[in-house]
């Protein structure tokens, strides 16, 4: 995982840990259990594992095509790399801060920050642990953290958080950006197809696990998890 990303994630984690008046450990435990025990997440992870296994048969063909034909232009690929490695989490935190303050939802700010940050930190820890455990060499020959793709899993975690906080339309846009990140990692010869496929499934499952716990927390507090839009109706008096 990118070193700058780790530093920024743990700085924010330290802030919310100090400010949250709820049990962070209990929230973390509940969310983590839902990553593996939720049936939909089991399906996502199982499908991602099978897809990655199948993709190993064509990994080198895809690599060859990406290096000879190219999947993306250099500028777009660079954008994907930067979004997945440095920009994505800062954009997410900025949007949470801006929308919470603009809507007068200061009370929800810490919960949203806790939800998003714990999800990204957990994904980072799981991804890094798996990288070290599998020790797969990258397609460019560097050692040895190819599987799974950290940029991809991080971006899909962000997309799942965005979908939970802002609804399907923003979620679809975030998932498209995450897919661009995955393509950029193949294009840049940093990961195989199987690496990004499993990374996408892992990031989505982690994000959903924390989203389910976030929904439970809001429901227990009597708060709607879906963004609310308010309308004012003016009736002419004359």
Protein backbone atom coordinates (compact mmCIF):
# COMPACT_ATOMS: atom_id res chain seq x y z
CA UNK A 1 0.00 0.00 0.00
CA UNK A 2 1.23 3.49 -0.80
CA UNK A 3 3.10 4.91 2.22
CA UNK A 4 1.41 8.34 1.98
CA UNK A 5 -1.97 6.62 1.94
CA UNK A 6 -1.16 4.68 5.10
CA UNK A 7 -0.02 7.83 6.90
CA UNK A 8 -3.10 9.86 5.98
CA UNK A 9 -5.47 7.01 6.88
CA UNK A 10 -3.98 6.54 10.32
CA UNK A 11 -3.91 10.29 11.02
CA UNK A 12 -7.65 10.51 10.39
CA UNK A 13 -8.19 7.25 12.28
CA UNK A 14 -6.42 8.74 15.29
CA UNK A 15 -8.60 11.86 15.13
CA UNK A 16 -11.91 10.00 14.98
CA UNK A 17 -10.77 7.53 17.62
CA UNK A 18 -10.12 10.41 19.96
CA UNK A 19 -13.39 12.21 19.19
CA UNK A 20 -15.89 9.35 18.90
CA UNK A 21 -17.96 8.75 22.03
CA UNK A 22 -19.12 5.34 20.81
CA UNK A 23 -17.25 2.07 21.04
CA UNK A 24 -14.89 2.07 18.07
CA UNK A 25 -13.70 -1.44 18.88
CA UNK A 26 -17.26 -2.77 18.99
CA UNK A 27 -18.09 -1.04 15.71
CA UNK A 28 -14.94 -2.45 14.14
CA UNK A 29 -15.73 -5.95 15.40
CA UNK A 30 -19.31 -5.84 14.13
CA UNK A 31 -18.26 -4.51 10.73
CA UNK A 32 -15.44 -7.03 10.35
CA UNK A 33 -17.76 -9.93 11.11
CA UNK A 34 -20.18 -8.77 8.42
CA UNK A 35 -17.42 -8.80 5.81
CA UNK A 36 -17.23 -12.59 6.06
CA UNK A 37 -20.59 -13.65 7.53
CA UNK A 38 -22.97 -11.66 5.34
CA UNK A 39 -24.26 -13.92 2.55
CA UNK A 40 -23.98 -11.26 -0.16
CA UNK A 41 -20.39 -10.58 0.85
CA UNK A 42 -19.62 -14.29 0.80
CA UNK A 43 -20.97 -14.39 -2.75
CA UNK A 44 -18.88 -11.35 -3.73
CA UNK A 45 -15.67 -12.75 -2.26
CA UNK A 46 -16.31 -16.24 -3.62
CA UNK A 47 -17.04 -14.92 -7.09
CA UNK A 48 -13.98 -12.68 -6.99
CA UNK A 49 -11.78 -15.60 -5.95
CA UNK A 50 -13.13 -17.83 -8.73
CA UNK A 51 -12.80 -15.02 -11.29
CA UNK A 52 -9.21 -14.38 -10.20
CA UNK A 53 -8.40 -18.07 -10.40
CA UNK A 54 -9.85 -18.29 -13.89
CA UNK A 55 -8.04 -15.10 -14.93
CA UNK A 56 -4.66 -16.60 -14.08
CA UNK A 57 -5.04 -18.62 -17.28
CA UNK A 58 -5.05 -15.44 -19.36
CA UNK A 59 -2.98 -13.11 -17.17
CA UNK A 60 0.04 -13.14 -19.46
CA UNK A 61 -2.04 -12.71 -22.61
CA UNK A 62 -3.75 -9.68 -21.10
CA UNK A 63 -0.40 -8.32 -19.98
CA UNK A 64 1.01 -8.75 -23.46
CA UNK A 65 -1.94 -7.00 -25.06
CA UNK A 66 -1.81 -4.12 -22.56
CA UNK A 67 1.89 -3.59 -23.18
CA UNK A 68 1.70 -3.75 -26.97
CA UNK A 69 -1.68 -2.16 -27.71
CA UNK A 70 -2.29 -0.20 -24.52
CA UNK A 71 -5.54 -0.08 -22.55
CA UNK A 72 -5.50 3.63 -21.70
CA UNK A 73 -3.72 6.79 -22.74
CA UNK A 74 -0.79 7.84 -20.55
CA UNK A 75 -2.71 10.78 -19.07
CA UNK A 76 -5.79 8.73 -18.19
CA UNK A 77 -3.68 5.94 -16.77
CA UNK A 78 -1.75 8.43 -14.64
CA UNK A 79 -5.02 9.88 -13.36
CA UNK A 80 -6.20 6.38 -12.39
CA UNK A 81 -2.94 5.70 -10.59
CA UNK A 82 -3.12 8.98 -8.65
CA UNK A 83 -6.78 8.57 -7.75
CA UNK A 84 -6.27 5.03 -6.48
CA UNK A 85 -3.08 5.80 -4.60
CA UNK A 86 -3.37 9.36 -3.29
CA UNK A 87 -6.46 11.32 -4.22
CA UNK A 88 -9.44 9.02 -3.65
CA UNK A 89 -9.60 9.05 0.14
CA UNK A 90 -8.92 12.79 0.34
CA UNK A 91 -11.75 13.47 -2.11
CA UNK A 92 -14.06 11.26 -0.05
CA UNK A 93 -13.18 12.95 3.23
CA UNK A 94 -13.53 16.40 1.65
CA UNK A 95 -17.00 15.54 0.33
CA UNK A 96 -18.08 14.23 3.74
CA UNK A 97 -16.86 17.38 5.43
CA UNK A 98 -18.40 19.72 2.86
CA UNK A 99 -21.81 18.05 2.69
CA UNK A 100 -22.10 17.58 6.46
CA UNK A 101 -21.32 21.21 7.22
CA UNK A 102 -23.44 22.52 4.35
CA UNK A 103 -26.49 20.53 5.48
CA UNK A 104 -26.00 21.33 9.15
CA UNK A 105 -25.29 17.68 9.97
CA UNK A 106 -22.33 18.23 12.28
CA UNK A 107 -23.58 15.44 14.54
CA UNK A 108 -23.31 12.94 11.69
CA UNK A 109 -19.83 14.06 10.64
CA UNK A 110 -17.90 11.92 13.12
CA UNK A 111 -19.98 8.83 12.29
CA UNK A 112 -19.41 9.26 8.55
CA UNK A 113 -15.70 9.84 9.05
CA UNK A 114 -15.48 6.82 11.35
CA UNK A 115 -17.37 4.64 8.86
CA UNK A 116 -15.26 5.66 5.86
CA UNK A 117 -11.89 5.62 7.61
CA UNK A 118 -12.30 2.32 9.43
CA UNK A 119 -13.43 0.71 6.17
CA UNK A 120 -10.36 1.97 4.31
CA UNK A 121 -7.95 1.10 7.12
CA UNK A 122 -9.37 -2.43 7.38
CA UNK A 123 -9.15 -2.91 3.64
CA UNK A 124 -5.57 -1.71 3.70
CA UNK A 125 -4.60 -4.12 6.46
CA UNK A 126 -6.29 -7.09 4.74
CA UNK A 127 -4.79 -6.22 1.38
CA UNK A 128 -1.29 -5.77 2.78
CA UNK A 129 -1.54 -9.02 4.75
CA UNK A 130 -2.59 -10.91 1.63
CA UNK A 131 0.17 -9.32 -0.42
CA UNK A 132 2.78 -10.50 2.05
CA UNK A 133 1.16 -13.91 2.35
CA UNK A 134 0.95 -14.66 -1.39
CA UNK A 135 4.23 -12.92 -2.27
CA UNK A 136 3.39 -12.80 -5.97
CA UNK A 137 5.88 -11.07 -8.24
CA UNK A 138 4.51 -8.15 -10.20
CA UNK A 139 4.29 -8.40 -14.00
CA UNK A 140 7.06 -5.80 -14.30
CA UNK A 141 9.34 -8.14 -12.34
CA UNK A 142 9.43 -6.26 -9.04
CA UNK A 143 8.95 -8.21 -5.84
CA UNK A 144 6.62 -9.30 -4.36
CA UNK A 145 3.25 -7.67 -3.68
CA UNK A 146 1.22 -8.17 -6.81
CA UNK A 147 -1.79 -10.05 -5.40
CA UNK A 148 -4.21 -8.45 -4.72
CA UNK A 149 -4.07 -4.93 -6.17
CA UNK A 150 -4.07 -2.38 -3.36
CA UNK A 151 -5.01 0.57 -5.57
CA UNK A 152 -7.99 -1.41 -6.83
CA UNK A 153 -9.23 -2.68 -3.47
CA UNK A 154 -8.84 0.81 -1.98
CA UNK A 155 -10.80 2.41 -4.82
CA UNK A 156 -13.63 -0.12 -4.61
CA UNK A 157 -13.86 0.38 -0.85
CA UNK A 158 -14.21 4.11 -1.50
CA UNK A 159 -16.86 3.44 -4.16
CA UNK A 160 -18.90 1.31 -1.76
CA UNK A 161 -18.71 3.99 0.93
CA UNK A 162 -19.76 6.65 -1.60
CA UNK A 163 -22.70 4.50 -2.69
CA UNK A 164 -23.83 4.13 0.92
CA UNK A 165 -23.50 7.82 1.80
CA UNK A 166 -24.70 9.47 -1.40
CA UNK A 167 -26.86 6.93 -3.23
CA UNK A 168 -26.68 4.95 -6.44
CA UNK A 169 -25.93 7.74 -8.91
CA UNK A 170 -22.80 8.90 -7.10
CA UNK A 171 -21.99 5.28 -6.33
CA UNK A 172 -22.02 4.32 -10.01
CA UNK A 173 -19.66 7.20 -10.80
CA UNK A 174 -17.32 6.07 -8.00
CA UNK A 175 -17.40 2.46 -9.22
CA UNK A 176 -16.53 3.67 -12.72
CA UNK A 177 -13.52 5.52 -11.30
CA UNK A 178 -12.52 2.38 -9.39
CA UNK A 179 -12.72 0.35 -12.61
CA UNK A 180 -10.51 2.95 -14.29
CA UNK A 181 -8.00 2.51 -11.49
CA UNK A 182 -8.00 -1.25 -12.03
CA UNK A 183 -7.43 -0.80 -15.78
CA UNK A 184 -4.59 1.64 -15.11
CA UNK A 185 -2.79 -0.90 -12.93
CA UNK A 186 -2.83 -3.43 -15.77
CA UNK A 187 -1.92 -0.77 -18.32
CA UNK A 188 1.08 0.33 -16.22
CA UNK A 189 2.30 -3.27 -15.89
CA UNK A 190 1.93 -3.14 -12.09
CA UNK A 191 -0.71 -5.87 -11.76
CA UNK A 192 -2.19 -8.85 -13.55
CA UNK A 193 -5.88 -9.13 -14.41
CA UNK A 194 -6.37 -11.64 -11.58
CA UNK A 195 -4.86 -9.16 -9.08
CA UNK A 196 -7.37 -6.43 -9.89
CA UNK A 197 -10.35 -8.79 -10.08
CA UNK A 198 -9.84 -10.02 -6.56
CA UNK A 199 -8.92 -6.54 -5.36
CA UNK A 200 -12.26 -5.26 -6.64
CA UNK A 201 -14.17 -7.99 -4.81
CA UNK A 202 -12.20 -7.53 -1.61
CA UNK A 203 -12.68 -3.76 -1.52
CA UNK A 204 -16.40 -4.08 -2.23
CA UNK A 205 -16.92 -6.70 0.49
CA UNK A 206 -15.02 -4.65 3.07
CA UNK A 207 -16.96 -1.52 2.20
CA UNK A 208 -20.29 -3.39 2.41
CA UNK A 209 -19.39 -4.91 5.76
CA UNK A 210 -18.81 -1.50 7.27
CA UNK A 211 -21.84 -0.05 5.45
CA UNK A 212 -24.10 -2.66 7.07
CA UNK A 213 -22.77 -1.81 10.52
CA UNK A 214 -23.14 1.90 9.73
CA UNK A 215 -26.79 1.34 8.79
CA UNK A 216 -27.38 -0.52 12.06
CA UNK A 217 -25.82 2.30 14.04
CA UNK A 218 -27.97 4.93 12.35
CA UNK A 219 -31.12 2.82 12.76
CA UNK A 220 -30.39 2.39 16.46
CA UNK A 221 -30.04 6.15 16.75
CA UNK A 222 -33.22 6.75 14.74
CA UNK A 223 -31.37 8.39 11.84
CA UNK A 224 -32.01 7.64 8.19
CA UNK A 225 -28.99 6.27 6.30
CA UNK A 226 -30.32 7.63 3.01
CA UNK A 227 -29.52 11.28 2.20
CA UNK A 228 -32.64 13.37 2.61
CA UNK A 229 -33.68 16.19 0.27
CA UNK A 230 -35.84 18.97 1.62
CA UNK A 231 -38.21 21.09 -0.45
CA UNK A 232 -39.86 24.40 0.32
CA UNK A 233 -43.21 25.16 -1.32
CA UNK A 234 -44.20 28.80 -1.72
CA UNK A 235 -47.90 29.53 -2.18
CA UNK A 236 -48.76 32.96 -3.58
CA UNK A 237 -51.12 34.91 -1.34
CA UNK A 238 -52.72 37.04 -4.03
